Amino acid sequence: MRSYRMPLMLWFTRGQGRITVAGFTRGYGAHNAVFVPPRTMHGFEVTAQVYGTAVFFEEAPSLPLPGHPVHLRVRDAMAQGEITTILEQLGREIEGDRPLRARAIHHHAGLMSVWLDRQIAVADDARPDTASLRLVRRFTEAVEAQLYTGQGVGDYAEALGVTPTHLSRVCRETCGRSASDILADRVTFEARRLLAETTLPVKQVAQILGYGSAAYFTRAFQNRTGQTPTQFRSAA
């Protein structure tokens, strides 16, 4: 599980798998578009047969973008062609060095925003909204907000007004994973990011993520990744 500071749109063109956004898991396939708002926990399966494009919008976008996760199964051939053309033109601008490049990129991103809104308006498979999904969404939001505090599932469950058992049962219902697995996966991704993108000592990374000791952090990290933090950093 991961999250980014920037809004993200995924456009899948081949293959299939499962994607979890804010605690809700669905299958994805060709011609699926998934919009992930900033700081929203998500993760998805990728195999060698999966092809697609990931577009990160600017961190504080001036464009109107959805304020909630969106998963679209785009069946209309014209709409599929439109987003393919927009992405191809956007890619050429990003990779090129023509005059007014930044302005062109901004306007292509604007066309993506319009395309998203149009597809949302005609979508016939809207994301369900149940008490279970709302609870898991609140849990994932709380984890994002308190990621560096070292809180456990029991702490989050108490803050949400439920028991740890109930929280885990609902998480399994909506995404097939326990609350503790979701939390551990998200913390591990953040640890990987800090180890790869900073030069902070392992002990300090452990402290930032709320671990009581570097030794405990090392054991937990190795159990999830098969590598010690030092080994992971050396290979990154």
C-alpha atoms as a PDB file:
ATOM      1  CA  MET A   1       0.000   0.000   0.000  1.00  0.00           C
ATOM      2  CA  ARG A   2       1.192   3.495  -0.822  1.00  0.00           C
ATOM      3  CA  SER A   3       0.034   7.059  -1.268  1.00  0.00           C
ATOM      4  CA  TYR A   4       1.362  10.133  -3.040  1.00  0.00           C
ATOM      5  CA  ARG A   5       1.104  13.858  -2.463  1.00  0.00           C
ATOM      6  CA  MET A   6      -0.003  14.300  -6.078  1.00  0.00           C
ATOM      7  CA  PRO A   7      -3.273  13.250  -7.725  1.00  0.00           C
ATOM      8  CA  LEU A   8      -2.783  10.169  -9.899  1.00  0.00           C
ATOM      9  CA  MET A   9      -4.633   8.726 -12.876  1.00  0.00           C
ATOM     10  CA  LEU A  10      -4.006   5.194 -14.106  1.00  0.00           C
ATOM     11  CA  TRP A  11      -5.095   4.126 -17.592  1.00  0.00           C
ATOM     12  CA  PHE A  12      -4.846   0.389 -18.237  1.00  0.00           C
ATOM     13  CA  THR A  13      -4.668  -0.791 -21.844  1.00  0.00           C
ATOM     14  CA  ARG A  14      -3.906  -4.499 -21.469  1.00  0.00           C
ATOM     15  CA  GLY A  15      -3.999  -7.220 -18.830  1.00  0.00           C
ATOM     16  CA  GLN A  16      -5.993  -7.520 -15.659  1.00  0.00           C
ATOM     17  CA  GLY A  17      -5.608  -7.652 -11.904  1.00  0.00           C
ATOM     18  CA  ARG A  18      -6.990  -6.226  -8.691  1.00  0.00           C
ATOM     19  CA  ILE A  19      -6.612  -2.711  -7.335  1.00  0.00           C
ATOM     20  CA  THR A  20      -7.343  -1.434  -3.838  1.00  0.00           C
ATOM     21  CA  VAL A  21      -8.084   2.250  -3.274  1.00  0.00           C
ATOM     22  CA  ALA A  22      -9.044   3.607   0.164  1.00  0.00           C
ATOM     23  CA  GLY A  23      -9.705   0.074   1.386  1.00  0.00           C
ATOM     24  CA  PHE A  24     -11.969  -1.037  -1.479  1.00  0.00           C
ATOM     25  CA  THR A  25     -10.755  -3.733  -3.889  1.00  0.00           C
ATOM     26  CA  ARG A  26     -12.030  -4.181  -7.439  1.00  0.00           C
ATOM     27  CA  GLY A  27     -10.812  -5.984 -10.511  1.00  0.00           C
ATOM     28  CA  TYR A  28      -9.336  -3.927 -13.335  1.00  0.00           C
ATOM     29  CA  GLY A  29      -8.738  -4.700 -16.981  1.00  0.00           C
ATOM     30  CA  ALA A  30      -8.137  -3.088 -20.337  1.00  0.00           C
ATOM     31  CA  HIS A  31      -9.751   0.326 -20.852  1.00  0.00           C
ATOM     32  CA  ASN A  32     -10.114   0.976 -17.131  1.00  0.00           C
ATOM     33  CA  ALA A  33      -9.283   4.403 -15.722  1.00  0.00           C
ATOM     34  CA  VAL A  34      -8.603   4.832 -12.012  1.00  0.00           C
ATOM     35  CA  PHE A  35      -8.247   8.252 -10.398  1.00  0.00           C
ATOM     36  CA  VAL A  36      -6.558   8.379  -6.991  1.00  0.00           C
ATOM     37  CA  PRO A  37      -6.736  11.657  -5.030  1.00  0.00           C
ATOM     38  CA  PRO A  38      -3.633  12.868  -3.188  1.00  0.00           C
ATOM     39  CA  ARG A  39      -2.738  11.126   0.084  1.00  0.00           C
ATOM     40  CA  THR A  40      -5.121   8.256  -0.638  1.00  0.00           C
ATOM     41  CA  MET A  41      -3.881   4.776   0.247  1.00  0.00           C
ATOM     42  CA  HIS A  42      -3.828   2.403  -2.708  1.00  0.00           C
ATOM     43  CA  GLY A  43      -2.077  -0.597  -4.200  1.00  0.00           C
ATOM     44  CA  PHE A  44      -2.545  -2.892  -7.168  1.00  0.00           C
ATOM     45  CA  GLU A  45      -1.301  -6.118  -8.692  1.00  0.00           C
ATOM     46  CA  VAL A  46       0.956  -5.846 -11.731  1.00  0.00           C
ATOM     47  CA  THR A  47       2.024  -8.756 -13.913  1.00  0.00           C
ATOM     48  CA  ALA A  48       4.132  -8.887 -17.064  1.00  0.00           C
ATOM     49  CA  GLN A  49       0.898  -8.862 -19.091  1.00  0.00           C
ATOM     50  CA  VAL A  50      -0.328  -5.541 -17.676  1.00  0.00           C
ATOM     51  CA  TYR A  51       0.261  -2.395 -19.717  1.00  0.00           C
ATOM     52  CA  GLY A  52      -0.867   1.122 -19.037  1.00  0.00           C
ATOM     53  CA  THR A  53       0.051   4.691 -18.206  1.00  0.00           C
ATOM     54  CA  ALA A  54       0.341   6.508 -14.888  1.00  0.00           C
ATOM     55  CA  VAL A  55      -0.096  10.278 -14.917  1.00  0.00           C
ATOM     56  CA  PHE A  56       0.799  12.348 -11.866  1.00  0.00           C
ATOM     57  CA  PHE A  57      -0.793  15.780 -11.737  1.00  0.00           C
ATOM     58  CA  GLU A  58       0.932  18.674  -9.991  1.00  0.00           C
ATOM     59  CA  GLU A  59       0.806  18.600  -6.200  1.00  0.00           C
ATOM     60  CA  ALA A  60      -1.574  21.563  -5.917  1.00  0.00           C
ATOM     61  CA  PRO A  61      -3.386  21.328  -9.249  1.00  0.00           C
ATOM     62  CA  SER A  62      -5.176  24.347 -10.636  1.00  0.00           C
ATOM     63  CA  LEU A  63      -7.376  21.967 -12.627  1.00  0.00           C
ATOM     64  CA  PRO A  64     -10.760  20.708 -11.400  1.00  0.00           C
ATOM     65  CA  LEU A  65     -10.177  17.080 -10.428  1.00  0.00           C
ATOM     66  CA  PRO A  66     -12.383  14.600  -8.534  1.00  0.00           C
ATOM     67  CA  GLY A  67     -12.158  14.831  -4.760  1.00  0.00           C
ATOM     68  CA  HIS A  68     -12.768  11.112  -4.291  1.00  0.00           C
ATOM     69  CA  PRO A  69     -11.466   7.871  -5.832  1.00  0.00           C
ATOM     70  CA  VAL A  70     -12.926   6.988  -9.225  1.00  0.00           C
ATOM     71  CA  HIS A  71     -12.808   3.657 -11.087  1.00  0.00           C
ATOM     72  CA  LEU A  72     -14.178   3.792 -14.630  1.00  0.00           C
ATOM     73  CA  ARG A  73     -14.717   0.922 -17.029  1.00  0.00           C
ATOM     74  CA  VAL A  74     -14.659   2.787 -20.325  1.00  0.00           C
ATOM     75  CA  ARG A  75     -16.632   0.816 -22.908  1.00  0.00           C
ATOM     76  CA  ASP A  76     -17.163   3.553 -25.500  1.00  0.00           C
ATOM     77  CA  ALA A  77     -14.617   3.247 -28.326  1.00  0.00           C
ATOM     78  CA  MET A  78     -14.622   7.002 -28.971  1.00  0.00           C
ATOM     79  CA  ALA A  79     -13.800   7.748 -25.330  1.00  0.00           C
ATOM     80  CA  GLN A  80     -11.017   5.141 -25.411  1.00  0.00           C
ATOM     81  CA  GLY A  81      -9.557   6.813 -28.494  1.00  0.00           C
ATOM     82  CA  GLU A  82      -9.804  10.270 -26.942  1.00  0.00           C
ATOM     83  CA  ILE A  83      -7.793   9.402 -23.830  1.00  0.00           C
ATOM     84  CA  THR A  84      -5.244   7.486 -25.900  1.00  0.00           C
ATOM     85  CA  THR A  85      -4.690  10.556 -28.087  1.00  0.00           C
ATOM     86  CA  ILE A  86      -4.450  12.898 -25.090  1.00  0.00           C
ATOM     87  CA  LEU A  87      -1.876  10.657 -23.404  1.00  0.00           C
ATOM     88  CA  GLU A  88       0.187  10.290 -26.577  1.00  0.00           C
ATOM     89  CA  GLN A  89       0.280  14.055 -27.106  1.00  0.00           C
ATOM     90  CA  LEU A  90       1.066  14.652 -23.435  1.00  0.00           C
ATOM     91  CA  GLY A  91       3.916  12.145 -23.612  1.00  0.00           C
ATOM     92  CA  ARG A  92       5.425  13.861 -26.652  1.00  0.00           C
ATOM     93  CA  GLU A  93       5.374  17.218 -24.882  1.00  0.00           C
ATOM     94  CA  ILE A  94       6.930  15.803 -21.704  1.00  0.00           C
ATOM     95  CA  GLU A  95       9.727  14.084 -23.627  1.00  0.00           C
ATOM     96  CA  GLY A  96      10.329  16.957 -26.053  1.00  0.00           C
ATOM     97  CA  ASP A  97      11.812  20.423 -25.698  1.00  0.00           C
ATOM     98  CA  ARG A  98       9.632  22.520 -27.976  1.00  0.00           C
ATOM     99  CA  PRO A  99       8.825  26.145 -27.129  1.00  0.00           C
ATOM    100  CA  LEU A 100       5.883  26.663 -24.733  1.00  0.00           C
ATOM    101  CA  ARG A 101       6.277  23.085 -23.489  1.00  0.00           C
ATOM    102  CA  ALA A 102       4.982  23.792 -19.957  1.00  0.00           C
ATOM    103  CA  ARG A 103       1.919  25.565 -21.308  1.00  0.00           C
ATOM    104  CA  ALA A 104       1.144  22.679 -23.653  1.00  0.00           C
ATOM    105  CA  ILE A 105       1.512  20.130 -20.833  1.00  0.00           C
ATOM    106  CA  HIS A 106      -0.888  22.148 -18.687  1.00  0.00           C
ATOM    107  CA  HIS A 107      -3.515  22.234 -21.428  1.00  0.00           C
ATOM    108  CA  HIS A 108      -3.211  18.515 -22.169  1.00  0.00           C
ATOM    109  CA  ALA A 109      -3.702  17.883 -18.449  1.00  0.00           C
ATOM    110  CA  GLY A 110      -6.780  20.097 -18.668  1.00  0.00           C
ATOM    111  CA  LEU A 111      -8.150  17.911 -21.455  1.00  0.00           C
ATOM    112  CA  MET A 112      -7.609  14.881 -19.203  1.00  0.00           C
ATOM    113  CA  SER A 113      -9.601  16.626 -16.481  1.00  0.00           C
ATOM    114  CA  VAL A 114     -12.466  17.252 -18.920  1.00  0.00           C
ATOM    115  CA  TRP A 115     -12.308  13.649 -20.145  1.00  0.00           C
ATOM    116  CA  LEU A 116     -12.516  12.352 -16.569  1.00  0.00           C
ATOM    117  CA  ASP A 117     -15.547  14.488 -15.748  1.00  0.00           C
ATOM    118  CA  ARG A 118     -17.318  13.400 -18.925  1.00  0.00           C
ATOM    119  CA  GLN A 119     -16.726   9.718 -18.188  1.00  0.00           C
ATOM    120  CA  ILE A 120     -17.875  10.120 -14.584  1.00  0.00           C
ATOM    121  CA  ALA A 121     -21.076  11.757 -15.838  1.00  0.00           C
ATOM    122  CA  VAL A 122     -21.989   8.738 -17.985  1.00  0.00           C
ATOM    123  CA  ALA A 123     -20.577   5.973 -15.755  1.00  0.00           C
ATOM    124  CA  ASP A 124     -23.002   3.170 -14.935  1.00  0.00           C
ATOM    125  CA  ASP A 125     -20.888   1.346 -12.343  1.00  0.00           C
ATOM    126  CA  ALA A 126     -20.528   3.903  -9.567  1.00  0.00           C
ATOM    127  CA  ARG A 127     -18.507   3.020  -6.488  1.00  0.00           C
ATOM    128  CA  PRO A 128     -20.831   1.614  -3.797  1.00  0.00           C
ATOM    129  CA  ASP A 129     -21.165   3.416  -0.486  1.00  0.00           C
ATOM    130  CA  THR A 130     -21.820   1.115   2.462  1.00  0.00           C
ATOM    131  CA  ALA A 131     -21.153   1.380   6.181  1.00  0.00           C
ATOM    132  CA  SER A 132     -18.292  -1.100   5.802  1.00  0.00           C
ATOM    133  CA  LEU A 133     -16.645   0.909   3.028  1.00  0.00           C
ATOM    134  CA  ARG A 134     -17.034   4.133   4.971  1.00  0.00           C
ATOM    135  CA  LEU A 135     -15.367   2.569   8.021  1.00  0.00           C
ATOM    136  CA  VAL A 136     -12.424   1.193   6.043  1.00  0.00           C
ATOM    137  CA  ARG A 137     -12.031   4.497   4.210  1.00  0.00           C
ATOM    138  CA  ARG A 138     -11.872   6.294   7.567  1.00  0.00           C
ATOM    139  CA  PHE A 139      -9.301   3.752   8.745  1.00  0.00           C
ATOM    140  CA  THR A 140      -7.051   4.292   5.712  1.00  0.00           C
ATOM    141  CA  GLU A 141      -7.404   8.066   6.063  1.00  0.00           C
ATOM    142  CA  ALA A 142      -6.441   7.824   9.742  1.00  0.00           C
ATOM    143  CA  VAL A 143      -3.385   5.720   8.886  1.00  0.00           C
ATOM    144  CA  GLU A 144      -2.271   8.346   6.362  1.00  0.00           C
ATOM    145  CA  ALA A 145      -2.744  11.129   8.904  1.00  0.00           C
ATOM    146  CA  GLN A 146      -0.994   9.264  11.751  1.00  0.00           C
ATOM    147  CA  LEU A 147       1.575   7.289   9.776  1.00  0.00           C
ATOM    148  CA  TYR A 148       4.552   8.489  11.807  1.00  0.00           C
ATOM    149  CA  THR A 149       3.028   7.921  15.243  1.00  0.00           C
ATOM    150  CA  GLY A 150       3.631   4.183  15.597  1.00  0.00           C
ATOM    151  CA  GLN A 151      -0.014   3.504  16.412  1.00  0.00           C
ATOM    152  CA  GLY A 152      -1.308  -0.038  16.157  1.00  0.00           C
ATOM    153  CA  VAL A 153      -4.608  -1.413  14.912  1.00  0.00           C
ATOM    154  CA  GLY A 154      -6.028  -1.257  18.429  1.00  0.00           C
ATOM    155  CA  ASP A 155      -5.347   2.481  18.619  1.00  0.00           C
ATOM    156  CA  TYR A 156      -7.023   3.134  15.277  1.00  0.00           C
ATOM    157  CA  ALA A 157      -9.992   0.931  16.147  1.00  0.00           C
ATOM    158  CA  GLU A 158     -10.508   2.767  19.432  1.00  0.00           C
ATOM    159  CA  ALA A 159     -10.412   6.141  17.670  1.00  0.00           C
ATOM    160  CA  LEU A 160     -12.976   4.861  15.155  1.00  0.00           C
ATOM    161  CA  GLY A 161     -15.260   3.560  17.894  1.00  0.00           C
ATOM    162  CA  VAL A 162     -15.042  -0.131  16.984  1.00  0.00           C
ATOM    163  CA  THR A 163     -13.171  -3.188  18.206  1.00  0.00           C
ATOM    164  CA  PRO A 164      -9.978  -4.356  16.473  1.00  0.00           C
ATOM    165  CA  THR A 165     -11.766  -7.593  15.585  1.00  0.00           C
ATOM    166  CA  HIS A 166     -14.614  -5.743  13.896  1.00  0.00           C
ATOM    167  CA  LEU A 167     -12.225  -3.456  12.021  1.00  0.00           C
ATOM    168  CA  SER A 168     -10.236  -6.408  10.691  1.00  0.00           C
ATOM    169  CA  ARG A 169     -13.399  -8.276   9.716  1.00  0.00           C
ATOM    170  CA  VAL A 170     -14.663  -5.284   7.746  1.00  0.00           C
ATOM    171  CA  CYS A 171     -11.269  -4.797   6.069  1.00  0.00           C
ATOM    172  CA  ARG A 172     -11.320  -8.422   4.948  1.00  0.00           C
ATOM    173  CA  GLU A 173     -14.838  -7.907   3.630  1.00  0.00           C
ATOM    174  CA  THR A 174     -13.954  -4.863   1.503  1.00  0.00           C
ATOM    175  CA  CYS A 175     -10.427  -5.669   0.326  1.00  0.00           C
ATOM    176  CA  GLY A 176      -9.547  -9.198   1.424  1.00  0.00           C
ATOM    177  CA  ARG A 177      -6.852  -8.118   3.887  1.00  0.00           C
ATOM    178  CA  SER A 178      -6.768  -7.675   7.641  1.00  0.00           C
ATOM    179  CA  ALA A 179      -6.367  -4.255   9.215  1.00  0.00           C
ATOM    180  CA  SER A 180      -2.944  -5.230  10.557  1.00  0.00           C
ATOM    181  CA  ASP A 181      -1.797  -6.318   7.089  1.00  0.00           C
ATOM    182  CA  ILE A 182      -2.972  -3.040   5.532  1.00  0.00           C
ATOM    183  CA  LEU A 183      -1.167  -1.056   8.227  1.00  0.00           C
ATOM    184  CA  ALA A 184       2.058  -3.072   8.016  1.00  0.00           C
ATOM    185  CA  ASP A 185       2.091  -2.863   4.218  1.00  0.00           C
ATOM    186  CA  ARG A 186       1.649   0.906   4.260  1.00  0.00           C
ATOM    187  CA  VAL A 187       4.355   1.437   6.900  1.00  0.00           C
ATOM    188  CA  THR A 188       6.723  -0.832   4.970  1.00  0.00           C
ATOM    189  CA  PHE A 189       6.215   1.160   1.770  1.00  0.00           C
ATOM    190  CA  GLU A 190       6.979   4.369   3.644  1.00  0.00           C
ATOM    191  CA  ALA A 191      10.101   2.769   5.096  1.00  0.00           C
ATOM    192  CA  ARG A 192      11.208   1.742   1.599  1.00  0.00           C
ATOM    193  CA  ARG A 193      10.636   5.289   0.368  1.00  0.00           C
ATOM    194  CA  LEU A 194      12.646   6.845   3.193  1.00  0.00           C
ATOM    195  CA  LEU A 195      15.487   4.364   2.739  1.00  0.00           C
ATOM    196  CA  ALA A 196      15.617   4.887  -1.037  1.00  0.00           C
ATOM    197  CA  GLU A 197      15.056   8.648  -1.212  1.00  0.00           C
ATOM    198  CA  THR A 198      16.918   9.932   1.852  1.00  0.00           C
ATOM    199  CA  THR A 199      20.244   9.356   3.584  1.00  0.00           C
ATOM    200  CA  LEU A 200      18.694   9.177   7.043  1.00  0.00           C
ATOM    201  CA  PRO A 201      20.322   6.537   9.274  1.00  0.00           C
ATOM    202  CA  VAL A 202      18.279   3.370   9.742  1.00  0.00           C
ATOM    203  CA  LYS A 203      17.851   4.219  13.427  1.00  0.00           C
ATOM    204  CA  GLN A 204      16.286   7.566  12.517  1.00  0.00           C
ATOM    205  CA  VAL A 205      13.968   5.980   9.938  1.00  0.00           C
ATOM    206  CA  ALA A 206      12.819   3.597  12.670  1.00  0.00           C
ATOM    207  CA  GLN A 207      12.159   6.515  15.030  1.00  0.00           C
ATOM    208  CA  ILE A 208      10.252   8.483  12.379  1.00  0.00           C
ATOM    209  CA  LEU A 209       7.949   5.524  11.758  1.00  0.00           C
ATOM    210  CA  GLY A 210       7.291   5.044  15.468  1.00  0.00           C
ATOM    211  CA  TYR A 211       9.329   1.893  16.100  1.00  0.00           C
ATOM    212  CA  GLY A 212      10.673   1.441  19.606  1.00  0.00           C
ATOM    213  CA  SER A 213      14.112   0.391  18.400  1.00  0.00           C
ATOM    214  CA  ALA A 214      16.145  -0.015  15.236  1.00  0.00           C
ATOM    215  CA  ALA A 215      16.375  -3.761  15.921  1.00  0.00           C
ATOM    216  CA  TYR A 216      12.583  -4.132  16.020  1.00  0.00           C
ATOM    217  CA  PHE A 217      12.265  -2.088  12.827  1.00  0.00           C
ATOM    218  CA  THR A 218      14.885  -4.251  11.103  1.00  0.00           C
ATOM    219  CA  ARG A 219      13.064  -7.469  12.028  1.00  0.00           C
ATOM    220  CA  ALA A 220       9.697  -6.109  10.886  1.00  0.00           C
ATOM    221  CA  PHE A 221      11.141  -4.779   7.619  1.00  0.00           C
ATOM    222  CA  GLN A 222      12.954  -8.032   6.860  1.00  0.00           C
ATOM    223  CA  ASN A 223       9.820 -10.072   7.554  1.00  0.00           C
ATOM    224  CA  ARG A 224       7.910  -8.018   4.962  1.00  0.00           C
ATOM    225  CA  THR A 225      10.595  -7.627   2.289  1.00  0.00           C
ATOM    226  CA  GLY A 226      13.120 -10.426   2.772  1.00  0.00           C
ATOM    227  CA  GLN A 227      15.902  -7.843   3.164  1.00  0.00           C
ATOM    228  CA  THR A 228      17.302  -5.818   6.025  1.00  0.00           C
ATOM    229  CA  PRO A 229      16.953  -2.034   5.689  1.00  0.00           C
ATOM    230  CA  THR A 230      20.682  -1.772   4.952  1.00  0.00           C
ATOM    231  CA  GLN A 231      20.492  -4.433   2.231  1.00  0.00           C
ATOM    232  CA  PHE A 232      17.471  -2.743   0.674  1.00  0.00           C
ATOM    233  CA  ARG A 233      19.175   0.662   0.653  1.00  0.00           C
ATOM    234  CA  SER A 234      22.309  -0.761  -0.962  1.00  0.00           C
ATOM    235  CA  ALA A 235      20.267  -2.344  -3.753  1.00  0.00           C
ATOM    236  CA  ALA A 236      17.958   0.648  -4.312  1.00  0.00           C
END
